[in-house]
Amino acid sequence: EKGLRIKGTGIGQKVKGHKWERTMQGRLEERRKAMLEMPEMIR
């Protein structure tokens, strides 16, 4: 229920994390879209 005395390891718990970790999902999505649009940009 509480976790292994480490923040975020319990049921339903979350960790704040560093800013680069919190924004990683959005940046990876932007990279994926940029890679898909790369052939059109090269053309």
All heavy atoms as atom14 arrays in JSON, in Angstrom:
{
  "sequence": "EKGLRIKGTGIGQKVKGHKWERTMQGRLEERRKAMLEMPEMIR",
  "atom14_mask": [
    [1, 1, 1, 1, 1, 1, 1, 1, 1, 0, 0, 0, 0, 0],
    [1, 1, 1, 1, 1, 1, 1, 1, 1, 0, 0, 0, 0, 0],
    [1, 1, 1, 1, 0, 0, 0, 0, 0, 0, 0, 0, 0, 0],
    [1, 1, 1, 1, 1, 1, 1, 1, 0, 0, 0, 0, 0, 0],
    [1, 1, 1, 1, 1, 1, 1, 1, 1, 1, 1, 0, 0, 0],
    [1, 1, 1, 1, 1, 1, 1, 1, 0, 0, 0, 0, 0, 0],
    [1, 1, 1, 1, 1, 1, 1, 1, 1, 0, 0, 0, 0, 0],
    [1, 1, 1, 1, 0, 0, 0, 0, 0, 0, 0, 0, 0, 0],
    [1, 1, 1, 1, 1, 1, 1, 0, 0, 0, 0, 0, 0, 0],
    [1, 1, 1, 1, 0, 0, 0, 0, 0, 0, 0, 0, 0, 0],
    [1, 1, 1, 1, 1, 1, 1, 1, 0, 0, 0, 0, 0, 0],
    [1, 1, 1, 1, 0, 0, 0, 0, 0, 0, 0, 0, 0, 0],
    [1, 1, 1, 1, 1, 1, 1, 1, 1, 0, 0, 0, 0, 0],
    [1, 1, 1, 1, 1, 1, 1, 1, 1, 0, 0, 0, 0, 0],
    [1, 1, 1, 1, 1, 1, 1, 0, 0, 0, 0, 0, 0, 0],
    [1, 1, 1, 1, 1, 1, 1, 1, 1, 0, 0, 0, 0, 0],
    [1, 1, 1, 1, 0, 0, 0, 0, 0, 0, 0, 0, 0, 0],
    [1, 1, 1, 1, 1, 1, 1, 1, 1, 1, 0, 0, 0, 0],
    [1, 1, 1, 1, 1, 1, 1, 1, 1, 0, 0, 0, 0, 0],
    [1, 1, 1, 1, 1, 1, 1, 1, 1, 1, 1, 1, 1, 1],
    [1, 1, 1, 1, 1, 1, 1, 1, 1, 0, 0, 0, 0, 0],
    [1, 1, 1, 1, 1, 1, 1, 1, 1, 1, 1, 0, 0, 0],
    [1, 1, 1, 1, 1, 1, 1, 0, 0, 0, 0, 0, 0, 0],
    [1, 1, 1, 1, 1, 1, 1, 1, 0, 0, 0, 0, 0, 0],
    [1, 1, 1, 1, 1, 1, 1, 1, 1, 0, 0, 0, 0, 0],
    [1, 1, 1, 1, 0, 0, 0, 0, 0, 0, 0, 0, 0, 0],
    [1, 1, 1, 1, 1, 1, 1, 1, 1, 1, 1, 0, 0, 0],
    [1, 1, 1, 1, 1, 1, 1, 1, 0, 0, 0, 0, 0, 0],
    [1, 1, 1, 1, 1, 1, 1, 1, 1, 0, 0, 0, 0, 0],
    [1, 1, 1, 1, 1, 1, 1, 1, 1, 0, 0, 0, 0, 0],
    [1, 1, 1, 1, 1, 1, 1, 1, 1, 1, 1, 0, 0, 0],
    [1, 1, 1, 1, 1, 1, 1, 1, 1, 1, 1, 0, 0, 0],
    [1, 1, 1, 1, 1, 1, 1, 1, 1, 0, 0, 0, 0, 0],
    [1, 1, 1, 1, 1, 0, 0, 0, 0, 0, 0, 0, 0, 0],
    [1, 1, 1, 1, 1, 1, 1, 1, 0, 0, 0, 0, 0, 0],
    [1, 1, 1, 1, 1, 1, 1, 1, 0, 0, 0, 0, 0, 0],
    [1, 1, 1, 1, 1, 1, 1, 1, 1, 0, 0, 0, 0, 0],
    [1, 1, 1, 1, 1, 1, 1, 1, 0, 0, 0, 0, 0, 0],
    [1, 1, 1, 1, 1, 1, 1, 0, 0, 0, 0, 0, 0, 0],
    [1, 1, 1, 1, 1, 1, 1, 1, 1, 0, 0, 0, 0, 0],
    [1, 1, 1, 1, 1, 1, 1, 1, 0, 0, 0, 0, 0, 0],
    [1, 1, 1, 1, 1, 1, 1, 1, 0, 0, 0, 0, 0, 0],
    [1, 1, 1, 1, 1, 1, 1, 1, 1, 1, 1, 0, 0, 0]
  ],
  "atom14_positions": [
    [[0.81, -1.21, 0.0], [0.0, 0.0, 0.0], [0.85, 1.27, 0.0], [0.56, 2.21, -0.73], [-0.91, -0.01, 1.22], [-1.99, 1.06, 1.19], [-2.98, 0.89, 2.32], [-3.72, -0.1, 2.3], [-2.99, 1.73, 3.22], [0.0, 0.0, 0.0], [0.0, 0.0, 0.0], [0.0, 0.0, 0.0], [0.0, 0.0, 0.0], [0.0, 0.0, 0.0]],
    [[1.89, 1.3, 0.8], [2.69, 2.52, 0.95], [3.94, 2.55, 0.09], [4.53, 3.6, -0.1], [3.11, 2.69, 2.43], [1.95, 2.72, 3.42], [1.12, 3.96, 3.24], [0.01, 4.02, 4.3], [-0.86, 5.17, 4.11], [0.0, 0.0, 0.0], [0.0, 0.0, 0.0], [0.0, 0.0, 0.0], [0.0, 0.0, 0.0], [0.0, 0.0, 0.0]],
    [[4.41, 1.4, -0.38], [5.63, 1.37, -1.17], [6.83, 1.01, -0.32], [6.74, 0.82, 0.9], [0.0, 0.0, 0.0], [0.0, 0.0, 0.0], [0.0, 0.0, 0.0], [0.0, 0.0, 0.0], [0.0, 0.0, 0.0], [0.0, 0.0, 0.0], [0.0, 0.0, 0.0], [0.0, 0.0, 0.0], [0.0, 0.0, 0.0], [0.0, 0.0, 0.0]],
    [[7.99, 0.91, -0.98], [9.22, 0.49, -0.32], [9.97, 1.67, 0.29], [11.17, 1.81, 0.13], [10.13, -0.24, -1.32], [9.53, -1.51, -1.94], [10.38, -1.96, -3.1], [9.42, -2.6, -0.9], [0.0, 0.0, 0.0], [0.0, 0.0, 0.0], [0.0, 0.0, 0.0], [0.0, 0.0, 0.0], [0.0, 0.0, 0.0], [0.0, 0.0, 0.0]],
    [[9.25, 2.54, 1.0], [9.84, 3.74, 1.61], [10.52, 4.62, 0.57], [11.4, 5.42, 0.89], [10.86, 3.34, 2.7], [10.25, 2.6, 3.85], [9.32, 3.47, 4.63], [8.79, 2.78, 5.79], [7.88, 3.28, 6.58], [7.36, 4.46, 6.32], [7.43, 2.62, 7.63], [0.0, 0.0, 0.0], [0.0, 0.0, 0.0], [0.0, 0.0, 0.0]],
    [[10.15, 4.44, -0.69], [10.67, 5.28, -1.77], [9.48, 5.98, -2.39], [8.49, 5.33, -2.72], [11.42, 4.46, -2.83], [12.58, 3.7, -2.18], [11.92, 5.33, -3.95], [13.22, 2.68, -3.08], [0.0, 0.0, 0.0], [0.0, 0.0, 0.0], [0.0, 0.0, 0.0], [0.0, 0.0, 0.0], [0.0, 0.0, 0.0], [0.0, 0.0, 0.0]],
    [[9.56, 7.26, -2.54], [8.43, 8.03, -3.03], [8.02, 7.56, -4.42], [8.84, 7.46, -5.32], [8.8, 9.51, -3.07], [7.63, 10.43, -3.39], [8.05, 11.88, -3.33], [6.88, 12.79, -3.65], [7.27, 14.2, -3.63], [0.0, 0.0, 0.0], [0.0, 0.0, 0.0], [0.0, 0.0, 0.0], [0.0, 0.0, 0.0], [0.0, 0.0, 0.0]],
    [[6.74, 7.25, -4.55], [6.21, 6.86, -5.84], [6.13, 5.37, -6.07], [5.65, 4.94, -7.11], [0.0, 0.0, 0.0], [0.0, 0.0, 0.0], [0.0, 0.0, 0.0], [0.0, 0.0, 0.0], [0.0, 0.0, 0.0], [0.0, 0.0, 0.0], [0.0, 0.0, 0.0], [0.0, 0.0, 0.0], [0.0, 0.0, 0.0], [0.0, 0.0, 0.0]],
    [[6.58, 4.52, -5.1], [6.57, 3.07, -5.32], [5.31, 2.42, -4.78], [5.1, 1.24, -5.01], [7.78, 2.42, -4.65], [7.77, 2.72, -3.24], [9.07, 2.92, -5.25], [0.0, 0.0, 0.0], [0.0, 0.0, 0.0], [0.0, 0.0, 0.0], [0.0, 0.0, 0.0], [0.0, 0.0, 0.0], [0.0, 0.0, 0.0], [0.0, 0.0, 0.0]],
    [[4.46, 3.14, -4.05], [3.24, 2.56, -3.51], [2.11, 2.56, -4.51], [2.22, 3.1, -5.62], [0.0, 0.0, 0.0], [0.0, 0.0, 0.0], [0.0, 0.0, 0.0], [0.0, 0.0, 0.0], [0.0, 0.0, 0.0], [0.0, 0.0, 0.0], [0.0, 0.0, 0.0], [0.0, 0.0, 0.0], [0.0, 0.0, 0.0], [0.0, 0.0, 0.0]],
    [[1.0, 1.96, -4.11], [-0.18, 1.87, -4.99], [-0.78, 3.26, -5.16], [-1.04, 3.94, -4.19], [-1.2, 0.9, -4.41], [-0.68, -0.53, -4.53], [-2.54, 1.03, -5.1], [-1.59, -1.55, -3.97], [0.0, 0.0, 0.0], [0.0, 0.0, 0.0], [0.0, 0.0, 0.0], [0.0, 0.0, 0.0], [0.0, 0.0, 0.0], [0.0, 0.0, 0.0]],
    [[-0.99, 3.66, -6.38], [-1.61, 4.94, -6.68], [-0.73, 6.15, -6.43], [-1.2, 7.28, -6.53], [0.0, 0.0, 0.0], [0.0, 0.0, 0.0], [0.0, 0.0, 0.0], [0.0, 0.0, 0.0], [0.0, 0.0, 0.0], [0.0, 0.0, 0.0], [0.0, 0.0, 0.0], [0.0, 0.0, 0.0], [0.0, 0.0, 0.0], [0.0, 0.0, 0.0]],
    [[0.55, 5.96, -6.1], [1.44, 7.09, -5.84], [2.13, 7.54, -7.12], [2.32, 6.77, -8.05], [2.5, 6.7, -4.8], [1.92, 6.44, -3.43], [3.01, 6.12, -2.43], [4.19, 6.06, -2.78], [2.61, 5.89, -1.2], [0.0, 0.0, 0.0], [0.0, 0.0, 0.0], [0.0, 0.0, 0.0], [0.0, 0.0, 0.0], [0.0, 0.0, 0.0]],
    [[2.53, 8.81, -7.12], [3.26, 9.38, -8.25], [4.44, 10.16, -7.71], [4.43, 10.59, -6.56], [2.37, 10.3, -9.07], [1.29, 9.56, -9.86], [0.59, 10.52, -10.79], [-0.4, 9.79, -11.65], [-1.04, 10.7, -12.63], [0.0, 0.0, 0.0], [0.0, 0.0, 0.0], [0.0, 0.0, 0.0], [0.0, 0.0, 0.0], [0.0, 0.0, 0.0]],
    [[5.44, 10.35, -8.55], [6.59, 11.16, -8.19], [6.61, 12.4, -9.06], [6.15, 12.38, -10.2], [7.91, 10.39, -8.33], [8.02, 9.32, -7.29], [8.03, 9.78, -9.71], [0.0, 0.0, 0.0], [0.0, 0.0, 0.0], [0.0, 0.0, 0.0], [0.0, 0.0, 0.0], [0.0, 0.0, 0.0], [0.0, 0.0, 0.0], [0.0, 0.0, 0.0]],
    [[7.16, 13.48, -8.51], [7.24, 14.72, -9.29], [8.25, 14.57, -10.41], [7.97, 14.87, -11.56], [7.62, 15.87, -8.36], [7.82, 17.19, -9.09], [8.31, 18.24, -8.13], [8.7, 19.5, -8.87], [9.26, 20.5, -7.96], [0.0, 0.0, 0.0], [0.0, 0.0, 0.0], [0.0, 0.0, 0.0], [0.0, 0.0, 0.0], [0.0, 0.0, 0.0]],
    [[9.42, 14.07, -10.1], [10.45, 13.89, -11.11], [11.1, 15.2, -11.53], [10.66, 16.29, -11.16], [0.0, 0.0, 0.0], [0.0, 0.0, 0.0], [0.0, 0.0, 0.0], [0.0, 0.0, 0.0], [0.0, 0.0, 0.0], [0.0, 0.0, 0.0], [0.0, 0.0, 0.0], [0.0, 0.0, 0.0], [0.0, 0.0, 0.0], [0.0, 0.0, 0.0]],
    [[12.17, 15.11, -12.32], [12.81, 16.3, -12.89], [11.96, 16.85, -14.03], [11.09, 16.16, -14.57], [14.2, 15.95, -13.41], [15.13, 15.46, -12.35], [15.74, 16.29, -11.45], [15.55, 14.2, -12.04], [16.5, 15.58, -10.62], [16.4, 14.31, -10.96], [0.0, 0.0, 0.0], [0.0, 0.0, 0.0], [0.0, 0.0, 0.0], [0.0, 0.0, 0.0]],
    [[12.25, 18.07, -14.39], [11.46, 18.7, -15.45], [11.64, 17.97, -16.78], [10.67, 17.78, -17.53], [11.86, 20.17, -15.59], [10.97, 20.93, -16.56], [11.31, 22.39, -16.62], [10.38, 23.11, -17.6], [10.7, 24.55, -17.68], [0.0, 0.0, 0.0], [0.0, 0.0, 0.0], [0.0, 0.0, 0.0], [0.0, 0.0, 0.0], [0.0, 0.0, 0.0]],
    [[12.86, 17.52, -17.07], [13.09, 16.81, -18.33], [12.35, 15.47, -18.34], [11.96, 14.98, -19.39], [14.59, 16.6, -18.58], [15.27, 15.7, -17.59], [15.9, 16.07, -16.44], [15.41, 14.29, -17.67], [16.43, 14.98, -15.79], [16.13, 13.87, -16.53], [14.99, 13.32, -18.59], [16.44, 12.53, -16.29], [15.3, 11.98, -18.34], [16.03, 11.6, -17.21]],
    [[12.14, 14.87, -17.15], [11.38, 13.62, -17.08], [9.88, 13.87, -17.28], [9.19, 13.09, -17.93], [11.61, 12.94, -15.74], [13.02, 12.41, -15.56], [13.28, 11.89, -14.16], [12.76, 12.49, -13.2], [13.99, 10.89, -14.04], [0.0, 0.0, 0.0], [0.0, 0.0, 0.0], [0.0, 0.0, 0.0], [0.0, 0.0, 0.0], [0.0, 0.0, 0.0]],
    [[9.39, 14.99, -16.7], [7.97, 15.29, -16.82], [7.59, 15.66, -18.25], [6.48, 15.41, -18.7], [7.59, 16.44, -15.88], [7.75, 16.12, -14.41], [7.02, 17.14, -13.56], [7.45, 18.51, -13.79], [8.41, 19.12, -13.12], [9.08, 18.48, -12.19], [8.72, 20.38, -13.39], [0.0, 0.0, 0.0], [0.0, 0.0, 0.0], [0.0, 0.0, 0.0]],
    [[8.52, 16.31, -18.96], [8.23, 16.76, -20.32], [8.72, 15.79, -21.4], [8.63, 16.09, -22.58], [8.87, 18.13, -20.56], [10.29, 18.04, -20.31], [8.27, 19.18, -19.63], [0.0, 0.0, 0.0], [0.0, 0.0, 0.0], [0.0, 0.0, 0.0], [0.0, 0.0, 0.0], [0.0, 0.0, 0.0], [0.0, 0.0, 0.0], [0.0, 0.0, 0.0]],
    [[9.24, 14.64, -20.99], [9.83, 13.72, -21.96], [8.78, 13.17, -22.93], [9.04, 13.05, -24.13], [10.5, 12.54, -21.24], [11.18, 11.55, -22.18], [11.78, 10.09, -21.33], [13.11, 10.8, -20.38], [0.0, 0.0, 0.0], [0.0, 0.0, 0.0], [0.0, 0.0, 0.0], [0.0, 0.0, 0.0], [0.0, 0.0, 0.0], [0.0, 0.0, 0.0]],
    [[7.6, 12.87, -22.42], [6.58, 12.28, -23.28], [6.19, 13.23, -24.41], [6.05, 12.82, -25.57], [5.35, 11.92, -22.43], [4.38, 10.99, -23.13], [3.3, 10.49, -22.21], [3.29, 10.81, -21.03], [2.38, 9.72, -22.74], [0.0, 0.0, 0.0], [0.0, 0.0, 0.0], [0.0, 0.0, 0.0], [0.0, 0.0, 0.0], [0.0, 0.0, 0.0]],
    [[6.03, 14.52, -24.1], [5.69, 15.49, -25.14], [6.8, 15.67, -26.15], [6.54, 15.79, -27.36], [0.0, 0.0, 0.0], [0.0, 0.0, 0.0], [0.0, 0.0, 0.0], [0.0, 0.0, 0.0], [0.0, 0.0, 0.0], [0.0, 0.0, 0.0], [0.0, 0.0, 0.0], [0.0, 0.0, 0.0], [0.0, 0.0, 0.0], [0.0, 0.0, 0.0]],
    [[8.06, 15.67, -25.69], [9.18, 15.85, -26.61], [9.34, 14.63, -27.53], [9.66, 14.76, -28.71], [10.47, 16.09, -25.82], [10.56, 17.5, -25.24], [11.88, 17.81, -24.59], [11.99, 17.18, -23.29], [12.8, 16.16, -23.0], [13.55, 15.64, -23.95], [12.86, 15.65, -21.79], [0.0, 0.0, 0.0], [0.0, 0.0, 0.0], [0.0, 0.0, 0.0]],
    [[9.12, 13.45, -27.0], [9.2, 12.25, -27.85], [8.1, 12.25, -28.91], [8.33, 11.81, -30.04], [9.09, 10.99, -26.98], [10.29, 10.68, -26.08], [10.0, 9.47, -25.22], [11.55, 10.44, -26.9], [0.0, 0.0, 0.0], [0.0, 0.0, 0.0], [0.0, 0.0, 0.0], [0.0, 0.0, 0.0], [0.0, 0.0, 0.0], [0.0, 0.0, 0.0]],
    [[6.92, 12.75, -28.55], [5.84, 12.83, -29.53], [6.18, 13.84, -30.64], [5.9, 13.6, -31.81], [4.55, 13.24, -28.82], [3.32, 13.28, -29.7], [2.95, 11.93, -30.27], [3.34, 10.9, -29.66], [2.3, 11.9, -31.32], [0.0, 0.0, 0.0], [0.0, 0.0, 0.0], [0.0, 0.0, 0.0], [0.0, 0.0, 0.0], [0.0, 0.0, 0.0]],
    [[6.81, 14.97, -30.25], [7.22, 15.96, -31.25], [8.27, 15.38, -32.19], [8.24, 15.61, -33.41], [7.76, 17.21, -30.56], [6.69, 18.06, -29.89], [7.29, 19.27, -29.19], [8.52, 19.47, -29.31], [6.53, 19.99, -28.52], [0.0, 0.0, 0.0], [0.0, 0.0, 0.0], [0.0, 0.0, 0.0], [0.0, 0.0, 0.0], [0.0, 0.0, 0.0]],
    [[9.22, 14.62, -31.64], [10.25, 13.99, -32.48], [9.62, 12.98, -33.45], [10.03, 12.89, -34.62], [11.26, 13.27, -31.6], [12.21, 14.2, -30.87], [13.2, 13.41, -30.06], [13.85, 14.23, -29.07], [14.66, 13.76, -28.13], [14.89, 12.45, -28.04], [15.24, 14.56, -27.27], [0.0, 0.0, 0.0], [0.0, 0.0, 0.0], [0.0, 0.0, 0.0]],
    [[8.64, 12.23, -32.97], [8.01, 11.23, -33.83], [7.3, 11.91, -35.01], [7.42, 11.47, -36.16], [7.0, 10.42, -33.01], [6.42, 9.21, -33.74], [5.35, 8.55, -32.9], [4.17, 9.37, -32.8], [3.21, 9.43, -33.72], [3.32, 8.72, -34.84], [2.16, 10.2, -33.57], [0.0, 0.0, 0.0], [0.0, 0.0, 0.0], [0.0, 0.0, 0.0]],
    [[6.59, 13.01, -34.7], [5.91, 13.74, -35.77], [6.92, 14.35, -36.74], [6.7, 14.36, -37.97], [5.04, 14.85, -35.18], [3.79, 14.33, -34.46], [2.97, 15.48, -33.91], [1.74, 14.96, -33.18], [0.96, 16.08, -32.58], [0.0, 0.0, 0.0], [0.0, 0.0, 0.0], [0.0, 0.0, 0.0], [0.0, 0.0, 0.0], [0.0, 0.0, 0.0]],
    [[8.04, 14.88, -36.23], [9.06, 15.48, -37.1], [9.69, 14.43, -38.02], [9.96, 14.71, -39.2], [10.14, 16.14, -36.25], [0.0, 0.0, 0.0], [0.0, 0.0, 0.0], [0.0, 0.0, 0.0], [0.0, 0.0, 0.0], [0.0, 0.0, 0.0], [0.0, 0.0, 0.0], [0.0, 0.0, 0.0], [0.0, 0.0, 0.0], [0.0, 0.0, 0.0]],
    [[9.9, 13.22, -37.5], [10.48, 12.17, -38.33], [9.51, 11.73, -39.42], [9.92, 11.41, -40.54], [10.85, 10.96, -37.46], [11.99, 11.23, -36.49], [13.54, 11.64, -37.33], [13.94, 10.09, -38.09], [0.0, 0.0, 0.0], [0.0, 0.0, 0.0], [0.0, 0.0, 0.0], [0.0, 0.0, 0.0], [0.0, 0.0, 0.0], [0.0, 0.0, 0.0]],
    [[8.22, 11.73, -39.12], [7.22, 11.37, -40.14], [7.13, 12.43, -41.23], [6.88, 12.12, -42.4], [5.85, 11.17, -39.49], [5.71, 9.94, -38.57], [4.34, 9.95, -37.89], [5.89, 8.65, -39.36], [0.0, 0.0, 0.0], [0.0, 0.0, 0.0], [0.0, 0.0, 0.0], [0.0, 0.0, 0.0], [0.0, 0.0, 0.0], [0.0, 0.0, 0.0]],
    [[7.35, 13.71, -40.88], [7.26, 14.8, -41.84], [8.59, 15.08, -42.54], [8.69, 15.98, -43.37], [6.79, 16.08, -41.14], [5.36, 15.98, -40.59], [5.0, 17.15, -39.71], [5.87, 18.04, -39.54], [3.88, 17.18, -39.19], [0.0, 0.0, 0.0], [0.0, 0.0, 0.0], [0.0, 0.0, 0.0], [0.0, 0.0, 0.0], [0.0, 0.0, 0.0]],
    [[9.65, 14.32, -42.17], [10.97, 14.58, -42.73], [11.04, 14.4, -44.26], [11.64, 15.24, -44.95], [12.0, 13.67, -42.05], [13.44, 13.97, -42.44], [13.97, 15.62, -41.93], [14.03, 15.41, -40.17], [0.0, 0.0, 0.0], [0.0, 0.0, 0.0], [0.0, 0.0, 0.0], [0.0, 0.0, 0.0], [0.0, 0.0, 0.0], [0.0, 0.0, 0.0]],
    [[10.46, 13.36, -44.86], [10.54, 13.25, -46.34], [9.94, 14.45, -47.07], [10.51, 14.93, -48.08], [9.75, 11.97, -46.64], [9.82, 11.18, -45.38], [9.82, 12.18, -44.29], [0.0, 0.0, 0.0], [0.0, 0.0, 0.0], [0.0, 0.0, 0.0], [0.0, 0.0, 0.0], [0.0, 0.0, 0.0], [0.0, 0.0, 0.0], [0.0, 0.0, 0.0]],
    [[8.83, 14.96, -46.59], [8.2, 16.12, -47.22], [9.09, 17.36, -47.07], [9.21, 18.17, -47.99], [6.83, 16.36, -46.59], [6.08, 17.57, -47.13], [5.74, 17.44, -48.6], [5.69, 16.31, -49.12], [5.52, 18.49, -49.24], [0.0, 0.0, 0.0], [0.0, 0.0, 0.0], [0.0, 0.0, 0.0], [0.0, 0.0, 0.0], [0.0, 0.0, 0.0]],
    [[9.74, 17.49, -45.9], [10.64, 18.63, -45.68], [11.84, 18.56, -46.62], [12.29, 19.57, -47.17], [11.08, 18.67, -44.22], [11.99, 19.85, -43.89], [12.55, 19.86, -42.18], [11.09, 20.39, -41.34], [0.0, 0.0, 0.0], [0.0, 0.0, 0.0], [0.0, 0.0, 0.0], [0.0, 0.0, 0.0], [0.0, 0.0, 0.0], [0.0, 0.0, 0.0]],
    [[12.4, 17.36, -46.8], [13.54, 17.19, -47.71], [13.15, 17.51, -49.15], [13.89, 18.17, -49.9], [14.1, 15.75, -47.6], [14.72, 15.53, -46.21], [15.13, 15.48, -48.68], [15.12, 14.12, -45.93], [0.0, 0.0, 0.0], [0.0, 0.0, 0.0], [0.0, 0.0, 0.0], [0.0, 0.0, 0.0], [0.0, 0.0, 0.0], [0.0, 0.0, 0.0]],
    [[11.95, 17.06, -49.56], [11.47, 17.34, -50.91], [11.31, 18.84, -51.13], [11.73, 19.39, -52.16], [10.13, 16.62, -51.13], [9.62, 16.71, -52.56], [8.18, 16.24, -52.64], [7.29, 17.14, -51.92], [6.86, 18.31, -52.38], [7.29, 18.78, -53.54], [6.04, 19.05, -51.65], [0.0, 0.0, 0.0], [0.0, 0.0, 0.0], [0.0, 0.0, 0.0]]
  ]
}
